[in-house]
Protein backbone atom coordinates (compact mmCIF):
# COMPACT_ATOMS: atom_id res chain seq x y z
CA MET A 1 107.39 -0.47 135.20
CA ILE A 2 107.10 0.98 138.71
CA THR A 3 105.13 -1.02 141.26
CA MET A 4 103.91 1.00 144.23
CA PRO A 5 103.43 -0.72 147.61
CA ALA A 6 99.97 -2.12 148.30
CA ARG A 7 97.63 0.30 150.03
CA LYS A 8 95.65 -0.31 153.16
CA PRO A 9 91.83 0.10 153.07
CA ARG A 10 90.61 3.64 152.54
CA ARG A 11 89.63 5.63 155.61
CA ASN A 12 88.69 8.93 154.04
CA ALA A 13 87.28 9.54 150.57
CA ALA A 14 88.77 13.04 150.29
CA ALA A 15 92.24 11.87 151.28
CA THR A 16 92.34 8.83 149.00
CA ARG A 17 91.34 9.53 145.40
CA ARG A 18 90.87 7.23 142.43
CA THR A 19 92.04 9.92 140.01
CA PRO A 20 94.58 12.72 140.47
CA LEU A 21 93.36 16.12 141.63
CA LEU A 22 94.25 18.39 138.70
CA LEU A 23 94.17 22.14 139.34
CA ASP A 24 93.60 24.57 136.47
CA ARG A 25 94.52 28.24 137.04
CA ALA A 26 92.05 29.66 134.54
CA ALA A 27 89.14 27.75 136.05
CA LEU A 28 90.17 28.75 139.57
CA LYS A 29 90.32 32.43 138.62
CA ARG A 30 86.84 32.23 137.10
CA ARG A 31 85.49 30.69 140.30
CA LEU A 32 87.10 33.40 142.41
CA ALA A 33 85.48 36.10 140.27
CA ASP A 34 82.04 34.50 140.03
CA ASP A 35 81.39 32.89 143.43
CA MET A 36 80.33 34.31 146.77
CA TYR A 37 82.43 32.78 149.57
CA ASP A 38 81.70 32.26 153.22
CA VAL A 39 85.37 32.88 153.99
CA LEU A 40 88.39 34.15 152.09
CA VAL A 41 91.79 33.34 153.60
CA ILE A 42 94.64 35.64 152.57
CA GLY A 43 98.06 34.04 153.00
CA GLY A 44 99.21 30.62 151.81
CA GLY A 45 101.60 29.59 154.56
CA ILE A 46 101.00 26.76 157.02
CA THR A 47 98.44 28.71 159.08
CA GLY A 48 96.38 29.92 156.14
CA ALA A 49 96.53 26.45 154.60
CA TYR A 50 95.07 24.77 157.66
CA ALA A 51 92.49 27.54 158.06
CA VAL A 52 91.08 26.98 154.55
CA LEU A 53 91.17 23.20 155.07
CA ASP A 54 89.27 23.54 158.33
CA ALA A 55 86.71 25.77 156.65
CA ALA A 56 86.21 23.44 153.70
CA SER A 57 85.92 20.39 155.98
CA ARG A 58 83.08 22.13 157.88
CA GLY A 59 81.19 22.66 154.62
CA LEU A 60 81.93 26.37 154.25
CA ARG A 61 82.44 27.83 150.79
CA ALA A 62 86.09 28.72 151.21
CA ALA A 63 88.88 30.32 149.19
CA LEU A 64 92.58 30.98 149.74
CA VAL A 65 94.85 33.38 147.86
CA GLU A 66 98.62 33.72 148.18
CA LYS A 67 100.59 36.60 146.64
CA ASP A 68 103.61 34.48 145.71
CA ASP A 69 103.60 30.70 146.10
CA PHE A 70 102.26 28.38 148.77
CA ALA A 71 104.80 28.30 151.61
CA SER A 72 107.08 30.77 149.82
CA GLY A 73 107.53 32.82 152.99
CA THR A 74 108.31 31.51 156.46
CA SER A 75 106.66 28.14 155.87
CA SER A 76 109.35 26.85 153.49
CA LYS A 77 112.21 28.25 155.58
CA SER A 78 111.47 26.83 159.02
CA SER A 79 113.58 24.42 161.05
CA LYS A 80 111.31 21.72 159.54
CA MET A 81 110.74 20.31 162.99
CA VAL A 82 107.34 19.11 164.21
CA HIS A 83 108.08 19.24 167.91
CA GLY A 84 106.90 20.19 171.35
CA GLY A 85 109.87 22.42 172.08
CA LEU A 86 112.17 21.57 174.97
CA ARG A 87 113.05 25.24 175.23
CA TYR A 88 109.47 26.07 176.14
CA ILE A 89 109.69 23.79 179.19
CA GLU A 90 112.79 25.73 180.22
CA GLN A 91 110.69 28.91 179.84
CA GLY A 92 107.95 27.42 182.02
CA ASN A 93 105.42 27.12 179.18
CA VAL A 94 104.53 23.48 179.84
CA ASN A 95 100.99 23.87 178.49
CA LEU A 96 102.33 24.88 175.08
CA VAL A 97 104.60 21.81 175.09
CA ARG A 98 101.76 19.49 176.10
CA HIS A 99 99.52 20.82 173.36
CA SER A 100 102.30 20.85 170.76
CA LEU A 101 103.08 17.19 171.45
CA LEU A 102 99.42 16.28 171.01
CA GLU A 103 99.39 18.13 167.69
CA ARG A 104 102.63 16.40 166.69
CA HIS A 105 100.87 13.08 167.25
CA ARG A 106 97.95 14.20 165.05
CA PHE A 107 100.34 15.26 162.28
CA ARG A 108 102.04 11.86 162.35
CA LYS A 109 98.64 10.16 162.17
CA ASN A 110 97.13 12.38 159.44
CA ALA A 111 100.28 12.84 157.33
CA PRO A 112 102.46 9.77 157.99
CA HIS A 113 104.13 10.14 154.58
CA LEU A 114 105.34 13.64 155.42
CA VAL A 115 105.99 13.72 159.18
CA HIS A 116 108.64 11.29 160.35
CA ARG A 117 110.12 10.40 163.72
CA LEU A 118 113.54 11.95 164.31
CA PRO A 119 116.05 11.17 167.09
CA PHE A 120 117.73 14.16 168.76
CA LEU A 121 121.15 13.72 170.35
CA PHE A 122 122.61 15.98 173.03
CA PRO A 123 126.30 15.12 173.58
CA ILE A 124 127.48 15.45 177.18
CA LEU A 125 130.90 17.07 177.13
CA GLU A 126 133.41 17.84 179.84
CA LYS A 127 133.76 21.34 178.41
CA GLU A 128 132.64 23.43 175.44
CA GLY A 129 129.31 21.59 175.15
CA VAL A 130 125.65 22.50 175.43
CA PHE A 131 125.97 21.19 178.97
CA ASP A 132 128.44 19.22 181.04
CA ALA A 133 127.85 16.04 183.07
CA ARG A 134 126.65 18.04 186.08
CA LEU A 135 124.02 19.97 184.11
CA ALA A 136 123.02 16.84 182.18
CA LYS A 137 121.32 15.43 185.26
CA GLY A 138 119.04 18.47 185.48
CA PHE A 139 118.44 18.40 181.73
CA GLU A 140 117.36 14.77 181.93
CA GLY A 141 114.64 15.95 184.31
CA LEU A 142 113.35 18.18 181.48
CA LEU A 143 113.35 15.18 179.17
CA TRP A 144 111.27 13.17 181.66
CA THR A 145 108.78 16.05 181.77
CA TYR A 146 108.77 16.14 177.96
CA ASP A 147 108.05 12.43 177.73
CA LEU A 148 105.35 12.51 180.39
CA VAL A 149 103.39 15.47 178.96
CA GLY A 150 103.11 13.82 175.54
CA GLY A 151 106.48 12.83 174.13
CA TRP A 152 105.64 9.19 174.83
CA ARG A 153 103.12 9.18 171.97
CA ILE A 154 105.95 8.95 169.45
CA GLY A 155 106.66 5.42 170.65
CA LYS A 156 110.02 5.96 172.35
CA LEU A 157 111.18 7.56 175.59
CA HIS A 158 114.43 9.46 175.96
CA GLN A 159 117.62 7.47 176.49
CA ARG A 160 120.98 8.01 178.16
CA LEU A 161 123.80 6.93 175.84
CA THR A 162 127.34 5.75 176.50
CA VAL A 163 130.28 7.24 174.61
CA PRO A 164 130.37 4.33 172.09
CA GLU A 165 126.60 4.67 171.55
CA VAL A 166 126.99 8.40 170.88
CA LEU A 167 129.81 7.79 168.41
CA ALA A 168 127.74 5.14 166.63
CA GLN A 169 125.18 7.86 165.85
CA ALA A 170 127.73 10.60 165.20
CA PRO A 171 131.14 9.07 164.45
CA THR A 172 132.80 12.40 163.62
CA LEU A 173 132.00 14.04 166.98
CA ARG A 174 135.16 15.13 168.75
CA ALA A 175 135.64 12.44 171.37
CA GLU A 176 138.28 13.97 173.64
CA ASN A 177 135.75 15.70 175.94
CA LEU A 178 132.82 13.34 175.32
CA LYS A 179 131.21 11.82 178.44
CA GLY A 180 128.09 10.31 176.90
CA GLY A 181 124.83 11.68 175.60
CA LEU A 182 121.08 12.04 175.91
CA MET A 183 118.71 11.15 173.10
CA TYR A 184 115.04 11.98 172.79
CA PHE A 185 112.60 11.78 169.90
CA ASP A 186 110.66 14.36 167.90
CA ALA A 187 109.63 14.64 164.26
CA ARG A 188 110.52 16.49 161.09
CA THR A 189 108.83 17.33 157.80
CA ASP A 190 109.44 18.89 154.42
CA ASP A 191 107.60 22.06 155.40
CA ALA A 192 106.87 23.30 151.85
CA ARG A 193 105.43 19.96 150.73
CA LEU A 194 103.36 19.75 153.92
CA VAL A 195 101.78 23.15 153.22
CA LEU A 196 101.12 22.22 149.60
CA THR A 197 99.48 18.96 150.66
CA ILE A 198 97.22 20.75 153.14
CA VAL A 199 96.17 23.23 150.44
CA ARG A 200 95.49 20.44 147.94
CA THR A 201 93.45 18.54 150.55
CA ALA A 202 91.32 21.66 150.99
CA ALA A 203 90.89 21.85 147.21
CA ALA A 204 89.81 18.19 147.17
CA LEU A 205 87.07 19.17 149.64
CA GLY A 206 85.88 22.00 147.39
CA ALA A 207 87.97 25.03 148.37
CA THR A 208 89.21 27.42 145.69
CA VAL A 209 92.97 27.98 146.08
CA LEU A 210 95.30 30.16 144.02
CA ASN A 211 98.91 31.21 144.26
CA GLY A 212 100.37 34.22 142.45
CA ALA A 213 97.29 36.16 143.58
CA LYS A 214 98.08 39.32 145.53
CA ALA A 215 95.48 41.10 147.65
CA GLU A 216 95.99 44.71 146.55
CA SER A 217 93.14 46.08 148.66
CA LEU A 218 90.18 45.00 150.76
CA LEU A 219 86.56 45.37 149.69
CA MET A 220 84.39 47.17 152.22
CA GLN A 221 80.64 47.25 152.70
CA LEU A 222 78.93 49.28 155.44
CA GLY A 223 82.24 49.64 157.27
CA LYS A 224 82.98 45.90 157.24
CA VAL A 225 85.49 43.91 155.22
CA SER A 226 83.59 42.06 152.47
CA GLY A 227 86.34 40.57 150.32
CA ALA A 228 89.50 41.55 148.50
CA ARG A 229 90.64 42.95 145.17
CA VAL A 230 93.31 40.56 143.87
CA THR A 231 95.70 40.70 140.94
CA ALA A 232 96.70 37.39 139.32
CA ASP A 233 98.50 36.91 136.00
CA GLY A 234 97.72 40.49 135.00
CA ASP A 235 94.01 40.11 135.78
CA THR A 236 92.15 41.97 138.52
CA ILE A 237 89.58 39.94 140.44
CA ASP A 238 87.13 41.13 143.09
CA ILE A 239 86.58 38.22 145.47
CA ARG A 240 83.43 38.56 147.53
CA ALA A 241 83.33 36.94 150.96
CA ARG A 242 81.21 37.15 154.10
CA ALA A 243 84.34 36.82 156.24
CA VAL A 244 88.03 37.48 155.55
CA VAL A 245 91.04 35.99 157.35
CA ASN A 246 94.45 37.64 157.52
CA ALA A 247 96.99 34.80 157.73
CA THR A 248 99.91 36.62 156.12
CA GLY A 249 102.55 35.98 158.81
CA VAL A 250 105.25 38.65 158.93
CA TRP A 251 103.15 40.75 156.53
CA THR A 252 100.17 40.74 158.94
CA ASP A 253 100.45 44.38 160.01
CA GLU A 254 100.51 45.53 156.38
CA LEU A 255 97.15 43.87 155.63
CA ASP A 256 95.62 44.82 158.98
CA ALA A 257 96.42 48.48 158.21
CA LYS A 258 94.37 48.18 155.00
CA ALA A 259 91.39 47.12 157.10
CA ASP A 260 91.92 49.69 159.85
CA GLU A 261 93.92 52.89 159.37
CA GLY A 262 94.40 53.11 163.13
CA HIS A 263 96.06 49.69 163.38
CA LYS A 264 99.18 49.54 165.55
CA PRO A 265 101.91 47.04 164.58
CA GLN A 266 101.83 43.77 166.54
CA VAL A 267 104.32 41.46 164.79
CA ARG A 268 108.00 41.25 165.63
CA PRO A 269 109.98 39.19 163.10
CA ALA A 270 112.63 36.76 164.35
CA LYS A 271 115.13 35.49 161.81
CA GLY A 272 116.24 31.89 161.45
CA VAL A 273 118.97 30.64 159.13
CA HIS A 274 120.07 27.23 157.87
CA ILE A 275 122.93 26.05 155.69
CA VAL A 276 123.39 22.67 153.99
CA VAL A 277 126.61 20.67 153.69
CA PRO A 278 127.29 17.20 152.24
CA TRP A 279 126.64 14.33 154.65
CA ASP A 280 130.08 12.81 154.12
CA LYS A 281 131.60 15.93 155.69
CA VAL A 282 129.77 15.33 158.99
CA ARG A 283 128.39 11.74 158.89
CA ILE A 284 125.63 11.88 161.48
CA ASN A 285 122.57 9.61 161.53
CA CYS A 286 120.23 11.81 163.61
CA THR A 287 119.92 15.40 164.76
CA VAL A 288 122.86 16.52 166.90
CA THR A 289 122.61 19.66 169.01
CA VAL A 290 125.85 21.62 169.27
CA PRO A 291 126.89 24.89 170.94
CA ILE A 292 127.74 28.04 169.03
CA PRO A 293 130.98 29.46 170.47
CA GLY A 294 130.54 32.78 172.22
CA ARG A 295 126.74 32.66 172.05
CA ALA A 296 124.19 31.58 174.64
CA ARG A 297 122.39 29.39 172.14
CA ARG A 298 122.66 26.08 170.33
CA ALA A 299 122.37 24.89 166.75
CA THR A 300 120.98 21.68 165.27
CA CYS A 301 122.65 19.48 162.66
CA THR A 302 120.14 17.18 160.93
CA ARG A 303 120.71 14.54 158.30
CA TRP A 304 118.52 14.76 155.19
CA GLY A 305 119.56 11.99 152.80
CA ASN A 306 123.03 12.80 151.51
CA ASN A 307 123.04 16.22 153.16
CA VAL A 308 123.16 17.73 156.63
CA VAL A 309 121.18 20.85 157.51
CA LEU A 310 122.76 23.15 160.12
CA GLY A 311 120.59 25.84 161.57
CA THR A 312 119.39 28.08 164.31
CA THR A 313 116.50 30.47 164.84
CA ASP A 314 115.39 33.58 166.69
CA GLU A 315 117.69 36.48 165.92
CA ASP A 316 115.95 39.85 165.92
CA TYR A 317 115.38 41.19 162.40
CA GLN A 318 114.81 44.73 161.14
CA GLY A 319 115.14 44.42 157.33
CA SER A 320 112.71 43.81 154.48
CA PRO A 321 110.54 40.68 154.86
CA ASP A 322 110.69 40.23 151.08
CA ASP A 323 114.45 39.67 150.86
CA VAL A 324 115.67 37.40 153.66
CA HIS A 325 118.77 35.26 153.27
CA CYS A 326 121.49 33.66 155.33
CA THR A 327 124.39 36.12 155.53
CA ARG A 328 128.14 35.51 155.50
CA GLU A 329 128.34 36.25 159.23
CA GLU A 330 125.53 33.81 160.01
CA MET A 331 127.07 31.10 157.85
CA ASP A 332 130.45 31.61 159.53
CA PHE A 333 129.11 31.14 163.06
CA LEU A 334 127.20 28.00 162.02
CA LEU A 335 130.36 26.58 160.46
CA GLU A 336 132.34 27.53 163.56
CA GLY A 337 129.85 25.68 165.75
CA ALA A 338 130.03 22.58 163.56
CA ASN A 339 133.83 22.68 163.41
CA THR A 340 134.03 22.99 167.20
CA ALA A 341 131.83 19.90 167.64
CA PHE A 342 132.98 17.66 164.78
CA GLU A 343 136.26 16.39 163.40
CA GLY A 344 137.36 17.70 160.04
CA LYS A 345 137.05 21.22 158.74
CA LEU A 346 133.95 22.63 157.05
CA THR A 347 134.56 25.70 154.88
CA PRO A 348 132.24 28.02 152.92
CA ASP A 349 133.06 25.99 149.81
CA ASP A 350 131.27 23.02 151.41
CA VAL A 351 127.96 24.87 151.68
CA VAL A 352 125.63 23.64 148.92
CA GLY A 353 122.51 25.58 149.93
CA SER A 354 121.05 28.00 152.44
CA ILE A 355 117.81 29.59 153.58
CA GLY A 356 116.81 32.50 155.77
CA GLY A 357 113.28 32.99 157.06
CA LEU A 358 111.25 35.05 159.50
CA ARG A 359 109.04 33.81 162.30
CA PRO A 360 106.11 36.18 163.05
CA LEU A 361 106.30 36.55 166.82
CA VAL A 362 103.66 38.53 168.66
CA GLY A 363 104.72 41.04 171.28
CA GLY A 364 106.67 44.16 172.07
CA LYS A 365 110.03 45.36 170.88
CA GLU A 366 111.91 44.79 174.12
CA GLY A 367 113.82 41.65 175.14
CA ALA A 368 115.40 38.86 173.13
CA THR A 369 113.25 37.09 170.54
CA LEU A 370 114.66 33.81 171.86
CA ASP A 371 112.80 34.42 175.14
CA MET A 372 109.46 35.41 173.60
CA ARG A 373 106.56 33.01 173.96
CA ARG A 374 105.27 31.07 170.94
CA ASP A 375 101.57 31.29 171.72
CA HIS A 376 99.29 32.28 168.86
CA ARG A 377 96.67 35.02 168.84
CA VAL A 378 93.37 35.14 166.93
CA THR A 379 91.45 38.43 166.94
CA VAL A 380 88.56 40.13 165.15
CA GLY A 381 89.23 43.73 164.15
CA ARG A 382 86.70 46.53 164.25
CA THR A 383 86.01 46.06 160.52
CA GLY A 384 85.33 42.36 161.06
CA MET A 385 88.52 40.86 159.63
CA VAL A 386 89.85 37.83 161.51
CA THR A 387 93.62 38.03 162.06
CA VAL A 388 95.87 35.20 163.23
CA THR A 389 99.42 35.83 164.39
CA GLY A 390 102.18 33.95 166.20
CA GLY A 391 102.21 30.23 166.80
CA LYS A 392 104.39 27.61 165.15
CA LEU A 393 104.24 24.91 162.51
CA THR A 394 103.45 22.13 165.00
CA THR A 395 100.28 23.83 166.24
CA SER A 396 99.07 25.01 162.82
CA ARG A 397 96.14 22.58 162.67
CA HIS A 398 94.78 23.88 165.96
CA MET A 399 95.40 27.47 164.89
CA GLY A 400 93.36 26.84 161.75
CA GLU A 401 90.59 25.41 163.91
CA LEU A 402 90.57 28.47 166.19
CA VAL A 403 90.56 30.81 163.20
CA ILE A 404 87.49 29.18 161.68
CA ASP A 405 85.81 29.06 165.11
CA LYS A 406 86.16 32.85 165.08
CA VAL A 407 84.93 33.02 161.48
CA MET A 408 81.82 31.06 162.50
CA THR A 409 81.02 33.73 165.09
CA VAL A 410 81.41 36.42 162.42
CA LEU A 411 79.06 34.45 160.16
CA GLY A 412 76.64 33.70 162.98
CA ARG A 413 76.89 29.99 162.26
CA ARG A 414 77.70 26.85 164.23
CA GLY A 415 79.83 23.86 163.40
CA LYS A 416 82.77 22.00 164.89
CA SER A 417 86.19 21.46 163.36
CA ARG A 418 86.72 18.11 161.61
CA THR A 419 90.48 18.24 161.04
CA THR A 420 91.61 16.39 164.18
CA ASP A 421 91.33 13.03 162.44
CA LEU A 422 91.30 14.19 158.82
CA PRO A 423 94.05 12.51 156.74
CA LEU A 424 95.85 14.73 154.27
CA LEU A 425 96.03 13.68 150.63
CA GLY A 426 98.29 10.67 150.37
CA GLY A 427 98.08 9.89 154.07
CA ALA A 428 95.13 7.52 154.33
CA GLY A 429 96.30 3.92 154.00
CA TYR A 430 99.97 4.88 153.79
CA ASP A 431 102.29 2.04 154.83
CA SER A 432 105.73 3.43 155.66
CA GLU A 433 107.35 -0.01 155.98
CA ALA A 434 106.10 -1.15 152.58
CA VAL A 435 107.26 2.09 150.98
CA ALA A 436 110.71 1.84 152.53
CA ALA A 437 111.01 -1.79 151.42
CA SER A 438 110.05 -0.95 147.82
CA GLY A 439 113.27 0.98 147.26
CA GLY A 440 114.31 3.09 144.27
CA ILE A 441 111.97 5.58 142.61
CA ALA A 442 108.92 4.00 144.25
CA ALA A 443 110.28 4.67 147.74
CA HIS A 444 111.32 8.20 146.77
CA LEU A 445 107.87 9.03 145.41
CA GLY A 446 106.07 7.30 148.27
CA GLU A 447 107.88 9.39 150.87
CA ARG A 448 106.88 12.59 149.06
CA PHE A 449 103.38 11.85 147.80
CA GLY A 450 102.16 9.01 149.99
CA THR A 451 99.48 6.90 148.34
CA GLU A 452 99.18 9.57 145.62
CA ALA A 453 102.61 8.49 144.35
CA ARG A 454 100.81 6.11 142.00
CA PHE A 455 99.69 9.12 139.92
CA VAL A 456 103.29 10.21 139.39
CA GLY A 457 104.20 6.58 138.75
CA ASP A 458 101.52 6.45 136.04
CA LEU A 459 103.25 9.33 134.22
CA ILE A 460 106.49 7.35 134.19
CA GLN A 461 104.76 4.21 132.96
CA ASP A 462 103.28 6.21 130.08
CA ASP A 463 106.63 7.87 129.29
CA PRO A 464 109.68 6.11 130.80
CA SER A 465 111.90 9.09 129.97
CA LEU A 466 110.16 10.96 132.79
CA ALA A 467 111.97 8.71 135.28
CA GLU A 468 115.18 10.60 134.52
CA PRO A 469 116.45 12.90 137.29
CA ILE A 470 115.86 16.59 136.70
CA VAL A 471 118.72 17.77 138.94
CA SER A 472 122.10 16.06 138.93
CA GLY A 473 122.80 14.26 142.20
CA LEU A 474 119.21 14.43 143.49
CA PRO A 475 116.40 11.86 143.16
CA TYR A 476 113.72 14.23 141.82
CA THR A 477 112.36 13.06 138.46
CA LYS A 478 111.05 14.85 135.38
CA ALA A 479 107.67 13.26 136.14
CA GLU A 480 107.50 15.29 139.33
CA VAL A 481 107.90 18.49 137.32
CA VAL A 482 105.06 17.43 135.02
CA TYR A 483 102.90 16.60 138.04
CA ALA A 484 103.78 19.94 139.67
CA ALA A 485 102.46 21.75 136.60
CA ARG A 486 99.30 19.68 136.21
CA ALA A 487 98.29 19.09 139.82
CA GLU A 488 100.24 21.42 142.11
CA LEU A 489 99.79 24.89 140.53
CA ALA A 490 103.51 25.33 139.86
CA ARG A 491 103.89 28.42 137.65
CA SER A 492 107.63 29.06 137.59
CA VAL A 493 111.05 27.45 137.73
CA ASP A 494 111.38 28.75 141.29
CA ASP A 495 108.10 27.11 142.33
CA VAL A 496 109.48 23.75 141.18
CA LEU A 497 113.09 23.93 142.31
CA SER A 498 112.55 25.76 145.61
CA ARG A 499 109.32 24.22 146.92
CA ARG A 500 107.76 21.40 144.81
CA THR A 501 111.22 19.91 145.16
CA ARG A 502 113.93 21.17 147.54
CA ALA A 503 116.65 21.20 144.88
CA ARG A 504 117.63 24.80 145.57
CA LEU A 505 118.24 24.01 149.23
CA PHE A 506 120.06 20.69 148.77
CA ALA A 507 121.97 21.37 145.53
CA ARG A 508 121.88 25.08 144.77
CA ASP A 509 124.38 25.13 141.88
CA ALA A 510 123.09 21.94 140.25
CA SER A 511 119.57 23.35 140.41
CA VAL A 512 120.72 26.32 138.31
CA ASP A 513 122.01 23.90 135.69
CA ALA A 514 118.54 22.28 135.64
CA ALA A 515 116.58 25.53 135.33
CA GLU A 516 116.27 25.47 131.53
CA ALA A 517 115.02 21.87 131.51
CA VAL A 518 112.43 22.68 134.17
CA GLY A 519 111.37 25.76 132.23
CA ALA A 520 110.95 23.71 129.06
CA ILE A 521 108.67 21.20 130.81
CA LEU A 522 106.57 23.98 132.35
CA GLY A 523 106.35 25.69 128.99
CA ARG A 524 104.96 22.55 127.35
CA GLU A 525 102.58 21.66 130.18
CA LEU A 526 101.21 25.17 130.73
CA ASN A 527 101.39 26.33 127.11
CA LEU A 528 103.60 29.27 128.06
CA PRO A 529 105.09 31.69 125.52
CA GLU A 530 108.82 31.22 124.98
CA ALA A 531 109.53 34.67 126.36
CA GLU A 532 107.75 33.82 129.61
CA VAL A 533 109.75 30.60 129.99
CA GLU A 534 113.00 32.49 129.39
CA ARG A 535 112.00 35.08 131.97
CA SER A 536 111.19 32.39 134.54
CA VAL A 537 114.58 30.75 134.02
CA ALA A 538 116.41 34.08 134.18
CA GLU A 539 114.60 35.12 137.37
CA TYR A 540 115.54 31.87 139.05
CA VAL A 541 119.19 32.12 138.06
CA ALA A 542 119.31 35.74 139.25
CA ALA A 543 117.65 34.86 142.58
CA VAL A 544 120.18 32.10 143.25
CA HIS A 545 123.05 34.40 142.29
CA HIS A 546 121.76 37.00 144.76
CA GLU A 547 121.41 34.37 147.48
CA LYS A 548 125.01 33.25 146.90
CA SER A 549 126.34 36.80 146.88
CA VAL A 550 124.75 37.50 150.27
CA LEU A 551 126.06 34.21 151.65
CA LEU A 552 129.57 34.10 150.26
CA GLU A 553 130.49 37.68 149.52
CA GLY A 554 128.73 39.47 152.35
CA ALA A 555 126.63 41.54 149.94
CA ALA A 556 123.61 43.37 151.36
CA ALA A 557 120.57 41.14 151.81
C-alpha cells in the first residue's frame, strides 16, 4: 500500500479534484465538431497552453489543438530553466529580467510540484574559465542587480564560495586553476510535464483540448478567420470559433501565411542542444556553468537524479523545424567543454540521451541569435487572427494573458486574467517537505503529479503489479503509463517515453527495450488494433535510431 503525504487545505477547486480528470479522445472530437468556441488556440506548446488556460479561467468557451503532441516541439526541448536570465542584464534588458523573476515566483507558487529551486555555480578560474578573479568582481555586480530586481523572492541571495565550498558542490572540477566561485539561485522544471499540466488545468476549467489534431487550413467568413479545418485520427473536423490564436512557435509563419497570402516571415529559429551523461561521470550537486573552448559562450551542466544534462542554446538554424537533433559536432563541443572543466574523460559512449530544439526568436536575419532580445510580440493580422511570437518559458503565463487580452478586443468583450494566482493541477496544497520525506514511489509520484499523485497511487493499490518500473534503471512505473492513457491523452509509445515520462532523454537505449511493453499497455487501455500498436512501437524505435545516427555517426539531421 502506498501512503501519500497529507494534503494542506484546498485553495482552488479546479486545481484540487476529488476524482481524476479523465480525457476521452472521441468525446473531445465530438465537442470540437459540434460546439461554437469563443477562441481556438492552435499550437500546444507552453504559450498556447497558457493562452487556453487564461481563456478558460475568464469563462470563455475555449479550445486548443496541437498537430503532434503537447510540448512535442520546442517546449519539451528547452533548457528546462525557469529563470530571469543573467545574460539579459548583460544585454541591458533589465526590465525583461525583472518581469521574468516575478513570473518565476508565480510559477513556484502555482506549480510548486513542478518548479524547483536550483543553485547555479560559476567557478572562478585563473585561466580557461567563464571569467577570472578580476572579471568575477564585475560579475558579482550583475548578481547583486539580479537579486535586487527580483531574485530575492526565491529565498536566497547569491553567495561567494571558497575553493573547498566549490569542490563540495562539484568535487570533480579541475582544481589546479580554481580560485573560488559564485553561486546564485534560479529554478528548473520538467518542461513537457509543465505544459501537459497547464493543458489539463485548462481542461478541468472546461476547455476542449486535443493533440494529434493538425490545422490543415483556416475557415474564413467575410474576410475574417472564423475557425480551422483539422484532421485528427483520420477524421476531418471543422472547428468554428469567433477568434483564432496562432501559437505555433517556429511554425508561426506557415500558419500566418494561410491567413494572409501577403504575410512576410517574422520568426528566426535559434537551435539549442543538450546531451545527458551518467551522474557518476561528473558528480555535481547543482548547475555548473563551464566555458566551451574556442567559443564566446558557456554551457550548463545540471544534475537530474542519476544523470547530468549538458547543454547550450542559440545557434542559428536553417534546416527543417520538423527534424531537429543534436549533431555529432554539437555533442563533441559539449563533451570538450565538460572535459576541460572536470576531471575524468567523457566520451560519446557515455551519452545516454540527447535533444535538439528551436527557439522562435522574432527579428531580422542579421546578427547572432545569442544577442537577439527575448521579448514577445502579440499582433492581430488583417484577417483577425491573433499571433504570438517570441518570449520564453518563464514568461509564458504573462504571454498567455496578453494573448487573451488581445482576443477580448477581437471579441469586443471585457474581462481580466485570473491566472496570476491560479494553481495548476496538483499544485494546491502541495507540501514539498512531506513529499520528500515520504520517500520511494510516493516521493517520485508526488514530485511529478503533486497532490494528484494519489490517483496514480490508487491504480497501484488496485493492481500492485503496476508499481513495477517500465524502463530499466528509471523510476517510472507501469501505473504512470496507464494514467497517461486514461488521463493525459497519450496516444503513442513516443508520447509516453518522450514526454509523459522523460525516459528517451535519460535512458535512450533502455527506453527502446521498454517500447513493446508500453505499446501493450496503450493497446489495452485505448482498445487499439494490434497493427496500430506494432506501428507505434516501430515508429518509436526508428525515431530513436535516427536520433542516434545523427548524434553518433554524423548522419544528416
